[in-house]
C-alpha atoms as a PDB file:
ATOM      1  CA  MET A   1      86.796 120.427  87.056  1.00  0.00           C
ATOM      2  CA  ILE A   2      88.590 117.464  88.586  1.00  0.00           C
ATOM      3  CA  ARG A   3      89.398 117.609  92.269  1.00  0.00           C
ATOM      4  CA  SER A   4      90.101 115.513  95.327  1.00  0.00           C
ATOM      5  CA  PHE A   5      87.863 115.239  98.364  1.00  0.00           C
ATOM      6  CA  ASP A   6      88.828 114.109 101.846  1.00  0.00           C
ATOM      7  CA  GLY A   7      92.056 112.548 100.552  1.00  0.00           C
ATOM      8  CA  ALA A   8      90.457 110.673  97.637  1.00  0.00           C
ATOM      9  CA  GLU A   9      91.551 111.599  94.123  1.00  0.00           C
ATOM     10  CA  PRO A  10      89.753 110.598  90.923  1.00  0.00           C
ATOM     11  CA  GLU A  11      91.478 107.901  88.852  1.00  0.00           C
ATOM     12  CA  ILE A  12      91.026 108.622  85.160  1.00  0.00           C
ATOM     13  CA  ALA A  13      92.376 106.406  82.383  1.00  0.00           C
ATOM     14  CA  ASP A  14      94.577 108.171  79.849  1.00  0.00           C
ATOM     15  CA  SER A  15      92.216 107.220  77.025  1.00  0.00           C
ATOM     16  CA  ALA A  16      89.084 108.483  78.807  1.00  0.00           C
ATOM     17  CA  TYR A  17      87.463 111.737  77.717  1.00  0.00           C
ATOM     18  CA  VAL A  18      86.329 114.070  80.516  1.00  0.00           C
ATOM     19  CA  ASP A  19      84.959 117.349  79.236  1.00  0.00           C
ATOM     20  CA  GLU A  20      86.439 120.391  80.957  1.00  0.00           C
ATOM     21  CA  ALA A  21      82.906 121.498  81.910  1.00  0.00           C
ATOM     22  CA  ALA A  22      82.282 118.246  83.824  1.00  0.00           C
ATOM     23  CA  VAL A  23      82.711 118.015  87.611  1.00  0.00           C
ATOM     24  CA  VAL A  24      84.540 114.929  88.932  1.00  0.00           C
ATOM     25  CA  ILE A  25      85.139 114.900  92.687  1.00  0.00           C
ATOM     26  CA  GLY A  26      86.746 112.409  95.074  1.00  0.00           C
ATOM     27  CA  ASN A  27      86.449 108.638  94.938  1.00  0.00           C
ATOM     28  CA  VAL A  28      85.762 108.236  91.216  1.00  0.00           C
ATOM     29  CA  VAL A  29      87.235 105.751  88.733  1.00  0.00           C
ATOM     30  CA  ILE A  30      86.853 106.392  85.002  1.00  0.00           C
ATOM     31  CA  GLY A  31      87.983 103.552  82.767  1.00  0.00           C
ATOM     32  CA  ALA A  32      89.614 103.351  79.368  1.00  0.00           C
ATOM     33  CA  ASP A  33      87.681 104.881  76.470  1.00  0.00           C
ATOM     34  CA  ALA A  34      84.907 106.077  78.803  1.00  0.00           C
ATOM     35  CA  SER A  35      83.449 109.542  78.293  1.00  0.00           C
ATOM     36  CA  VAL A  36      82.026 112.157  80.645  1.00  0.00           C
ATOM     37  CA  TRP A  37      80.273 115.027  78.870  1.00  0.00           C
ATOM     38  CA  PRO A  38      79.625 118.731  79.660  1.00  0.00           C
ATOM     39  CA  ASN A  39      77.944 119.716  82.927  1.00  0.00           C
ATOM     40  CA  THR A  40      77.968 116.154  84.246  1.00  0.00           C
ATOM     41  CA  THR A  41      78.629 115.681  87.954  1.00  0.00           C
ATOM     42  CA  LEU A  42      80.346 112.588  89.380  1.00  0.00           C
ATOM     43  CA  ARG A  43      80.507 113.233  93.117  1.00  0.00           C
ATOM     44  CA  GLY A  44      82.413 110.502  94.946  1.00  0.00           C
ATOM     45  CA  ASP A  45      82.086 111.811  98.486  1.00  0.00           C
ATOM     46  CA  HIS A  46      79.808 109.116  99.995  1.00  0.00           C
ATOM     47  CA  GLY A  47      81.041 106.031  98.216  1.00  0.00           C
ATOM     48  CA  ARG A  48      82.915 105.071  95.097  1.00  0.00           C
ATOM     49  CA  ILE A  49      81.702 105.891  91.611  1.00  0.00           C
ATOM     50  CA  VAL A  50      82.888 103.631  88.794  1.00  0.00           C
ATOM     51  CA  VAL A  51      82.510 104.457  85.107  1.00  0.00           C
ATOM     52  CA  SER A  52      83.814 101.312  83.422  1.00  0.00           C
ATOM     53  CA  GLU A  53      85.581 100.931  80.101  1.00  0.00           C
ATOM     54  CA  GLY A  54      83.711 102.508  77.204  1.00  0.00           C
ATOM     55  CA  ALA A  55      80.809 103.741  79.341  1.00  0.00           C
ATOM     56  CA  ASN A  56      79.460 107.228  78.717  1.00  0.00           C
ATOM     57  CA  VAL A  57      77.767 109.761  80.968  1.00  0.00           C
ATOM     58  CA  GLN A  58      76.024 112.387  78.889  1.00  0.00           C
ATOM     59  CA  ASP A  59      75.415 116.099  79.417  1.00  0.00           C
ATOM     60  CA  ASN A  60      73.928 117.217  82.767  1.00  0.00           C
ATOM     61  CA  ALA A  61      73.777 113.701  84.248  1.00  0.00           C
ATOM     62  CA  VAL A  62      74.560 113.058  87.927  1.00  0.00           C
ATOM     63  CA  LEU A  63      76.179 110.006  89.548  1.00  0.00           C
ATOM     64  CA  HIS A  64      76.466 109.840  93.342  1.00  0.00           C
ATOM     65  CA  GLU A  65      76.854 107.395  96.266  1.00  0.00           C
ATOM     66  CA  ASP A  66      78.284 104.072  95.085  1.00  0.00           C
ATOM     67  CA  ALA A  67      77.066 104.377  91.511  1.00  0.00           C
ATOM     68  CA  GLU A  68      78.577 101.872  89.109  1.00  0.00           C
ATOM     69  CA  LEU A  69      78.356 101.785  85.331  1.00  0.00           C
ATOM     70  CA  GLY A  70      79.315  98.570  83.596  1.00  0.00           C
ATOM     71  CA  PRO A  71      81.373  98.406  80.420  1.00  0.00           C
ATOM     72  CA  TYR A  72      79.859 100.214  77.429  1.00  0.00           C
ATOM     73  CA  SER A  73      76.794 101.365  79.334  1.00  0.00           C
ATOM     74  CA  THR A  74      75.116 104.715  78.691  1.00  0.00           C
ATOM     75  CA  VAL A  75      73.594 107.303  81.019  1.00  0.00           C
ATOM     76  CA  GLY A  76      71.573 109.765  78.938  1.00  0.00           C
ATOM     77  CA  HIS A  77      71.258 113.521  79.187  1.00  0.00           C
ATOM     78  CA  SER A  78      70.118 114.816  82.603  1.00  0.00           C
ATOM     79  CA  ALA A  79      69.680 111.321  84.063  1.00  0.00           C
ATOM     80  CA  ILE A  80      70.526 110.458  87.679  1.00  0.00           C
ATOM     81  CA  VAL A  81      72.115 107.254  88.959  1.00  0.00           C
ATOM     82  CA  HIS A  82      72.202 107.333  92.753  1.00  0.00           C
ATOM     83  CA  GLY A  83      73.747 104.413  94.619  1.00  0.00           C
ATOM     84  CA  ALA A  84      72.786 101.993  91.855  1.00  0.00           C
ATOM     85  CA  THR A  85      74.366  99.711  89.260  1.00  0.00           C
ATOM     86  CA  VAL A  86      73.917  99.880  85.503  1.00  0.00           C
ATOM     87  CA  ALA A  87      75.255  96.703  83.881  1.00  0.00           C
ATOM     88  CA  GLU A  88      77.187  96.198  80.654  1.00  0.00           C
ATOM     89  CA  ARG A  89      75.615  97.746  77.522  1.00  0.00           C
ATOM     90  CA  ALA A  90      72.558  98.926  79.482  1.00  0.00           C
ATOM     91  CA  LEU A  91      71.091 102.343  78.759  1.00  0.00           C
ATOM     92  CA  VAL A  92      69.496 104.848  81.138  1.00  0.00           C
ATOM     93  CA  GLY A  93      67.415 107.252  79.050  1.00  0.00           C
ATOM     94  CA  MET A  94      67.278 111.029  79.221  1.00  0.00           C
ATOM     95  CA  ASN A  95      65.887 112.454  82.486  1.00  0.00           C
ATOM     96  CA  ALA A  96      65.504 108.959  83.964  1.00  0.00           C
ATOM     97  CA  VAL A  97      66.328 108.273  87.621  1.00  0.00           C
ATOM     98  CA  VAL A  98      67.824 105.041  89.014  1.00  0.00           C
ATOM     99  CA  LEU A  99      67.762 104.973  92.822  1.00  0.00           C
ATOM    100  CA  ASP A 100      69.667 103.349  95.682  1.00  0.00           C
ATOM    101  CA  GLY A 101      70.284  99.632  95.438  1.00  0.00           C
ATOM    102  CA  ALA A 102      68.647  99.266  92.024  1.00  0.00           C
ATOM    103  CA  HIS A 103      70.337  97.122  89.383  1.00  0.00           C
ATOM    104  CA  VAL A 104      69.750  97.658  85.669  1.00  0.00           C
ATOM    105  CA  GLY A 105      70.575  94.360  83.954  1.00  0.00           C
ATOM    106  CA  GLU A 106      72.871  93.779  81.004  1.00  0.00           C
ATOM    107  CA  GLY A 107      71.491  95.243  77.779  1.00  0.00           C
ATOM    108  CA  ALA A 108      68.407  96.648  79.523  1.00  0.00           C
ATOM    109  CA  VAL A 109      66.915 100.066  78.752  1.00  0.00           C
ATOM    110  CA  VAL A 110      65.335 102.495  81.209  1.00  0.00           C
ATOM    111  CA  ALA A 111      63.033 104.683  79.109  1.00  0.00           C
ATOM    112  CA  ALA A 112      63.410 108.455  79.144  1.00  0.00           C
ATOM    113  CA  GLY A 113      61.793 110.100  82.155  1.00  0.00           C
ATOM    114  CA  SER A 114      61.297 106.832  84.047  1.00  0.00           C
ATOM    115  CA  VAL A 115      62.063 106.222  87.724  1.00  0.00           C
ATOM    116  CA  VAL A 116      63.630 102.935  88.813  1.00  0.00           C
ATOM    117  CA  THR A 117      62.863 102.837  92.531  1.00  0.00           C
ATOM    118  CA  GLY A 118      65.343 101.706  95.165  1.00  0.00           C
ATOM    119  CA  GLY A 119      66.157  98.010  95.236  1.00  0.00           C
ATOM    120  CA  THR A 120      64.525  97.253  91.878  1.00  0.00           C
ATOM    121  CA  GLU A 121      66.094  94.573  89.672  1.00  0.00           C
ATOM    122  CA  VAL A 122      65.641  95.365  85.988  1.00  0.00           C
ATOM    123  CA  PRO A 123      66.042  92.090  84.059  1.00  0.00           C
ATOM    124  CA  PRO A 124      68.647  91.864  81.295  1.00  0.00           C
ATOM    125  CA  SER A 125      67.520  92.864  77.780  1.00  0.00           C
ATOM    126  CA  THR A 126      64.295  94.417  79.071  1.00  0.00           C
ATOM    127  CA  LEU A 127      62.761  97.818  78.417  1.00  0.00           C
ATOM    128  CA  VAL A 128      61.284  99.389  81.550  1.00  0.00           C
ATOM    129  CA  ALA A 129      59.225 102.578  81.570  1.00  0.00           C
ATOM    130  CA  GLY A 130      57.082 104.697  83.841  1.00  0.00           C
ATOM    131  CA  THR A 131      57.082 105.901  87.426  1.00  0.00           C
ATOM    132  CA  PRO A 132      57.770 103.541  88.992  1.00  0.00           C
ATOM    133  CA  ALA A 133      59.436 101.822  86.035  1.00  0.00           C
ATOM    134  CA  GLU A 134      57.841  98.536  85.030  1.00  0.00           C
ATOM    135  CA  PRO A 135      58.868  95.977  82.402  1.00  0.00           C
ATOM    136  CA  LYS A 136      57.275  96.631  79.005  1.00  0.00           C
ATOM    137  CA  THR A 137      58.999  94.260  76.588  1.00  0.00           C
ATOM    138  CA  GLU A 138      62.139  92.269  75.944  1.00  0.00           C
ATOM    139  CA  ILE A 139      64.568  93.958  73.593  1.00  0.00           C
ATOM    140  CA  ASP A 140      67.313  92.925  71.220  1.00  0.00           C
ATOM    141  CA  ASP A 141      68.412  96.054  69.390  1.00  0.00           C
ATOM    142  CA  PRO A 142      72.010  96.147  68.142  1.00  0.00           C
ATOM    143  CA  GLN A 143      71.734  99.906  67.499  1.00  0.00           C
ATOM    144  CA  LEU A 144      70.920 100.541  71.168  1.00  0.00           C
ATOM    145  CA  GLU A 145      73.738  98.259  72.249  1.00  0.00           C
ATOM    146  CA  ALA A 146      76.116 100.229  69.994  1.00  0.00           C
ATOM    147  CA  THR A 147      75.299 103.582  71.638  1.00  0.00           C
ATOM    148  CA  ALA A 148      78.401 103.473  73.816  1.00  0.00           C
ATOM    149  CA  ASP A 149      80.578 102.585  70.825  1.00  0.00           C
ATOM    150  CA  ARG A 150      79.321 105.699  69.010  1.00  0.00           C
ATOM    151  CA  TYR A 151      80.073 107.834  72.065  1.00  0.00           C
ATOM    152  CA  ALA A 152      83.589 106.395  72.345  1.00  0.00           C
ATOM    153  CA  GLU A 153      84.188 107.410  68.725  1.00  0.00           C
ATOM    154  CA  LEU A 154      82.689 110.859  69.341  1.00  0.00           C
ATOM    155  CA  ALA A 155      84.892 111.346  72.410  1.00  0.00           C
ATOM    156  CA  THR A 156      87.962 110.603  70.308  1.00  0.00           C
ATOM    157  CA  ARG A 157      86.861 113.218  67.769  1.00  0.00           C
ATOM    158  CA  TYR A 158      86.333 115.778  70.547  1.00  0.00           C
ATOM    159  CA  ASP A 159      89.739 115.020  71.989  1.00  0.00           C
ATOM    160  CA  GLU A 160      91.406 115.397  68.611  1.00  0.00           C
ATOM    161  CA  THR A 161      89.512 118.346  67.096  1.00  0.00           C
ATOM    162  CA  SER A 162      87.987 120.661  69.696  1.00  0.00           C
ATOM    163  CA  ASP A 163      89.739 123.817  70.907  1.00  0.00           C
ATOM    164  CA  ARG A 164      88.769 126.421  73.495  1.00  0.00           C
ATOM    165  CA  LEU A 165      87.914 129.663  71.773  1.00  0.00           C
ATOM    166  CA  ASP A 166      87.846 132.097  74.695  1.00  0.00           C
END
């Protein structure tokens, strides 16, 4: 479902994939080759949400209040990004939470189930884990960095091959 709110309409690039079961409301920008998967909610009613080029927001995730995803970043299944920034090629794991004013650095990974508390700066290329999330190790994993590329390819396949069957 894509709808306006209080005069603000979502801006969605032609090449972006937004699943019909996703909810995109209000002041939301979705860039080229980005993907938004089933049951995801992007609610731009208290600030702008930006999903940059090639970024992906996976099933059941929620973005709200000035959330910004950098190019080719990933937000995993059932994760929440609330008023925070996730930089280029960073990954927020499944069921993780990134809170107001936090910044996940370029190429960083927030481990599944972790909580990045408000105002936290996650250094680039660092794995953080726990509640609250703390740095565990530096990372340099090309497969992790390629996650968004794989989702861009998958989104193209969905766009080209999936049909409603009801």
